[in-house]
Amino acid sequence: RTSPAENLRMIADSVAFLRKEGREVIYDAEHFFDGYSADSDYALRTLEAAMEAGADYLVLCDTNGGRLPSEIATIVRTVRTRFPKTKVGIHTHNDCGLGVANAVAA
């Protein structure tokens, strides 16, 4: 099992490796919204680890498709405030019929 600290190191190491290789890095934060609901501080720290290591973009994923548009909008605002110069993308799923609404809310 991977510890939270080890996960942050692996994120940073992966991004740094790709940047060193001259690659553009899109950090796709799978299960971001579920993780944010469980521990918002840690979820944001995963994004920080990616950005500090050189990620070009952040993509926030509603992997289970279970968030409401109001939740998506609030969380995306928080991320954009924390990373004002970063391009932020959204990856929604339509499990609850809200995929398009969540993408628009973002």
C-alpha atoms as a PDB file:
ATOM      1  CA  ARG A   1       0.000   0.000   0.000  1.00  0.00           C
ATOM      2  CA  THR A   2       1.268   3.470  -0.897  1.00  0.00           C
ATOM      3  CA  SER A   3       1.361   6.092   1.854  1.00  0.00           C
ATOM      4  CA  PRO A   4       0.083   9.620   1.179  1.00  0.00           C
ATOM      5  CA  ALA A   5       3.631  11.001   1.418  1.00  0.00           C
ATOM      6  CA  GLU A   6       4.929   8.359  -0.989  1.00  0.00           C
ATOM      7  CA  ASN A   7       2.111   9.168  -3.414  1.00  0.00           C
ATOM      8  CA  LEU A   8       3.105  12.856  -3.411  1.00  0.00           C
ATOM      9  CA  ARG A   9       6.721  11.873  -4.126  1.00  0.00           C
ATOM     10  CA  MET A  10       5.658   9.595  -6.981  1.00  0.00           C
ATOM     11  CA  ILE A  11       3.574  12.373  -8.531  1.00  0.00           C
ATOM     12  CA  ALA A  12       6.490  14.800  -8.320  1.00  0.00           C
ATOM     13  CA  ASP A  13       9.002  12.235  -9.580  1.00  0.00           C
ATOM     14  CA  SER A  14       6.830  11.273 -12.559  1.00  0.00           C
ATOM     15  CA  VAL A  15       6.199  14.866 -13.590  1.00  0.00           C
ATOM     16  CA  ALA A  16       9.854  15.848 -13.098  1.00  0.00           C
ATOM     17  CA  PHE A  17      11.003  12.887 -15.202  1.00  0.00           C
ATOM     18  CA  LEU A  18       8.704  13.823 -18.064  1.00  0.00           C
ATOM     19  CA  ARG A  19       9.764  17.483 -17.927  1.00  0.00           C
ATOM     20  CA  LYS A  20      13.423  16.437 -17.934  1.00  0.00           C
ATOM     21  CA  GLU A  21      12.668  14.473 -21.102  1.00  0.00           C
ATOM     22  CA  GLY A  22      11.265  17.643 -22.666  1.00  0.00           C
ATOM     23  CA  ARG A  23       7.664  16.486 -22.554  1.00  0.00           C
ATOM     24  CA  GLU A  24       4.580  18.594 -22.049  1.00  0.00           C
ATOM     25  CA  VAL A  25       2.873  17.340 -18.895  1.00  0.00           C
ATOM     26  CA  ILE A  26      -0.866  17.175 -18.370  1.00  0.00           C
ATOM     27  CA  TYR A  27      -1.478  16.009 -14.804  1.00  0.00           C
ATOM     28  CA  ASP A  28      -4.723  14.031 -14.922  1.00  0.00           C
ATOM     29  CA  ALA A  29      -5.950  13.896 -11.314  1.00  0.00           C
ATOM     30  CA  GLU A  30      -8.083  10.750 -11.353  1.00  0.00           C
ATOM     31  CA  HIS A  31     -10.758  10.620  -8.634  1.00  0.00           C
ATOM     32  CA  PHE A  32      -9.926  14.237  -7.751  1.00  0.00           C
ATOM     33  CA  PHE A  33     -13.433  15.254  -6.717  1.00  0.00           C
ATOM     34  CA  ASP A  34     -13.966  12.123  -4.612  1.00  0.00           C
ATOM     35  CA  GLY A  35     -10.590  12.681  -2.991  1.00  0.00           C
ATOM     36  CA  TYR A  36     -11.381  16.348  -2.420  1.00  0.00           C
ATOM     37  CA  SER A  37     -14.596  15.396  -0.634  1.00  0.00           C
ATOM     38  CA  ALA A  38     -12.687  12.998   1.611  1.00  0.00           C
ATOM     39  CA  ASP A  39      -9.643  15.235   2.284  1.00  0.00           C
ATOM     40  CA  SER A  40      -9.558  18.548   0.452  1.00  0.00           C
ATOM     41  CA  ASP A  41      -6.148  19.537   1.813  1.00  0.00           C
ATOM     42  CA  TYR A  42      -4.492  16.372   0.559  1.00  0.00           C
ATOM     43  CA  ALA A  43      -6.254  16.549  -2.811  1.00  0.00           C
ATOM     44  CA  LEU A  44      -4.876  20.065  -3.292  1.00  0.00           C
ATOM     45  CA  ARG A  45      -1.423  18.906  -2.181  1.00  0.00           C
ATOM     46  CA  THR A  46      -1.424  16.352  -5.014  1.00  0.00           C
ATOM     47  CA  LEU A  47      -1.980  19.204  -7.466  1.00  0.00           C
ATOM     48  CA  GLU A  48       0.779  21.229  -5.791  1.00  0.00           C
ATOM     49  CA  ALA A  49       3.176  18.298  -6.115  1.00  0.00           C
ATOM     50  CA  ALA A  50       2.472  18.105  -9.837  1.00  0.00           C
ATOM     51  CA  MET A  51       2.769  21.846 -10.394  1.00  0.00           C
ATOM     52  CA  GLU A  52       5.944  22.250  -8.335  1.00  0.00           C
ATOM     53  CA  ALA A  53       7.520  19.451 -10.377  1.00  0.00           C
ATOM     54  CA  GLY A  54       6.670  21.254 -13.621  1.00  0.00           C
ATOM     55  CA  ALA A  55       3.243  20.132 -14.851  1.00  0.00           C
ATOM     56  CA  ASP A  56       1.880  22.342 -17.618  1.00  0.00           C
ATOM     57  CA  TYR A  57      -1.803  21.637 -17.045  1.00  0.00           C
ATOM     58  CA  LEU A  58      -4.096  20.194 -14.394  1.00  0.00           C
ATOM     59  CA  VAL A  59      -7.095  18.058 -15.311  1.00  0.00           C
ATOM     60  CA  LEU A  60      -9.629  17.497 -12.541  1.00  0.00           C
ATOM     61  CA  CYS A  61     -11.548  14.242 -12.865  1.00  0.00           C
ATOM     62  CA  ASP A  62     -15.010  13.349 -11.617  1.00  0.00           C
ATOM     63  CA  THR A  63     -14.117   9.738 -12.250  1.00  0.00           C
ATOM     64  CA  ASN A  64     -17.240   8.257 -10.665  1.00  0.00           C
ATOM     65  CA  GLY A  65     -19.559  10.882 -12.134  1.00  0.00           C
ATOM     66  CA  GLY A  66     -21.141  11.481  -8.747  1.00  0.00           C
ATOM     67  CA  ARG A  67     -20.676  15.204  -8.104  1.00  0.00           C
ATOM     68  CA  LEU A  68     -23.315  17.882  -8.501  1.00  0.00           C
ATOM     69  CA  PRO A  69     -22.678  20.935 -10.687  1.00  0.00           C
ATOM     70  CA  SER A  70     -22.628  23.215  -7.634  1.00  0.00           C
ATOM     71  CA  GLU A  71     -19.895  21.077  -6.049  1.00  0.00           C
ATOM     72  CA  ILE A  72     -17.870  21.037  -9.255  1.00  0.00           C
ATOM     73  CA  ALA A  73     -18.121  24.825  -9.617  1.00  0.00           C
ATOM     74  CA  THR A  74     -17.056  25.483  -6.019  1.00  0.00           C
ATOM     75  CA  ILE A  75     -14.106  23.098  -6.117  1.00  0.00           C
ATOM     76  CA  VAL A  76     -12.892  24.303  -9.522  1.00  0.00           C
ATOM     77  CA  ARG A  77     -13.019  27.896  -8.228  1.00  0.00           C
ATOM     78  CA  THR A  78     -10.882  26.838  -5.274  1.00  0.00           C
ATOM     79  CA  VAL A  79      -8.336  25.184  -7.569  1.00  0.00           C
ATOM     80  CA  ARG A  80      -8.219  28.144  -9.956  1.00  0.00           C
ATOM     81  CA  THR A  81      -7.704  30.525  -7.025  1.00  0.00           C
ATOM     82  CA  ARG A  82      -4.877  28.382  -5.676  1.00  0.00           C
ATOM     83  CA  PHE A  83      -3.236  28.001  -9.111  1.00  0.00           C
ATOM     84  CA  PRO A  84      -4.189  31.235 -10.912  1.00  0.00           C
ATOM     85  CA  LYS A  85      -1.680  30.920 -13.767  1.00  0.00           C
ATOM     86  CA  THR A  86      -2.379  27.256 -14.485  1.00  0.00           C
ATOM     87  CA  LYS A  87      -4.622  25.992 -17.258  1.00  0.00           C
ATOM     88  CA  VAL A  88      -7.209  23.722 -15.655  1.00  0.00           C
ATOM     89  CA  GLY A  89      -9.225  21.126 -17.545  1.00  0.00           C
ATOM     90  CA  ILE A  90     -12.186  19.016 -16.508  1.00  0.00           C
ATOM     91  CA  HIS A  91     -12.920  15.330 -17.104  1.00  0.00           C
ATOM     92  CA  THR A  92     -16.478  14.401 -16.215  1.00  0.00           C
ATOM     93  CA  HIS A  93     -18.482  11.207 -16.423  1.00  0.00           C
ATOM     94  CA  ASN A  94     -22.199  10.887 -17.024  1.00  0.00           C
ATOM     95  CA  ASP A  95     -22.991   8.138 -14.506  1.00  0.00           C
ATOM     96  CA  CYS A  96     -25.704  10.267 -12.863  1.00  0.00           C
ATOM     97  CA  GLY A  97     -26.682  12.151 -16.018  1.00  0.00           C
ATOM     98  CA  LEU A  98     -24.689  15.244 -14.997  1.00  0.00           C
ATOM     99  CA  GLY A  99     -21.599  14.963 -17.184  1.00  0.00           C
ATOM    100  CA  VAL A 100     -22.459  17.876 -19.478  1.00  0.00           C
ATOM    101  CA  ALA A 101     -23.858  20.021 -16.655  1.00  0.00           C
ATOM    102  CA  ASN A 102     -20.691  19.433 -14.630  1.00  0.00           C
ATOM    103  CA  ALA A 103     -18.461  20.323 -17.569  1.00  0.00           C
ATOM    104  CA  VAL A 104     -20.387  23.568 -18.072  1.00  0.00           C
ATOM    105  CA  ALA A 105     -20.308  24.335 -14.323  1.00  0.00           C
ATOM    106  CA  ALA A 106     -16.538  23.951 -14.303  1.00  0.00           C
END
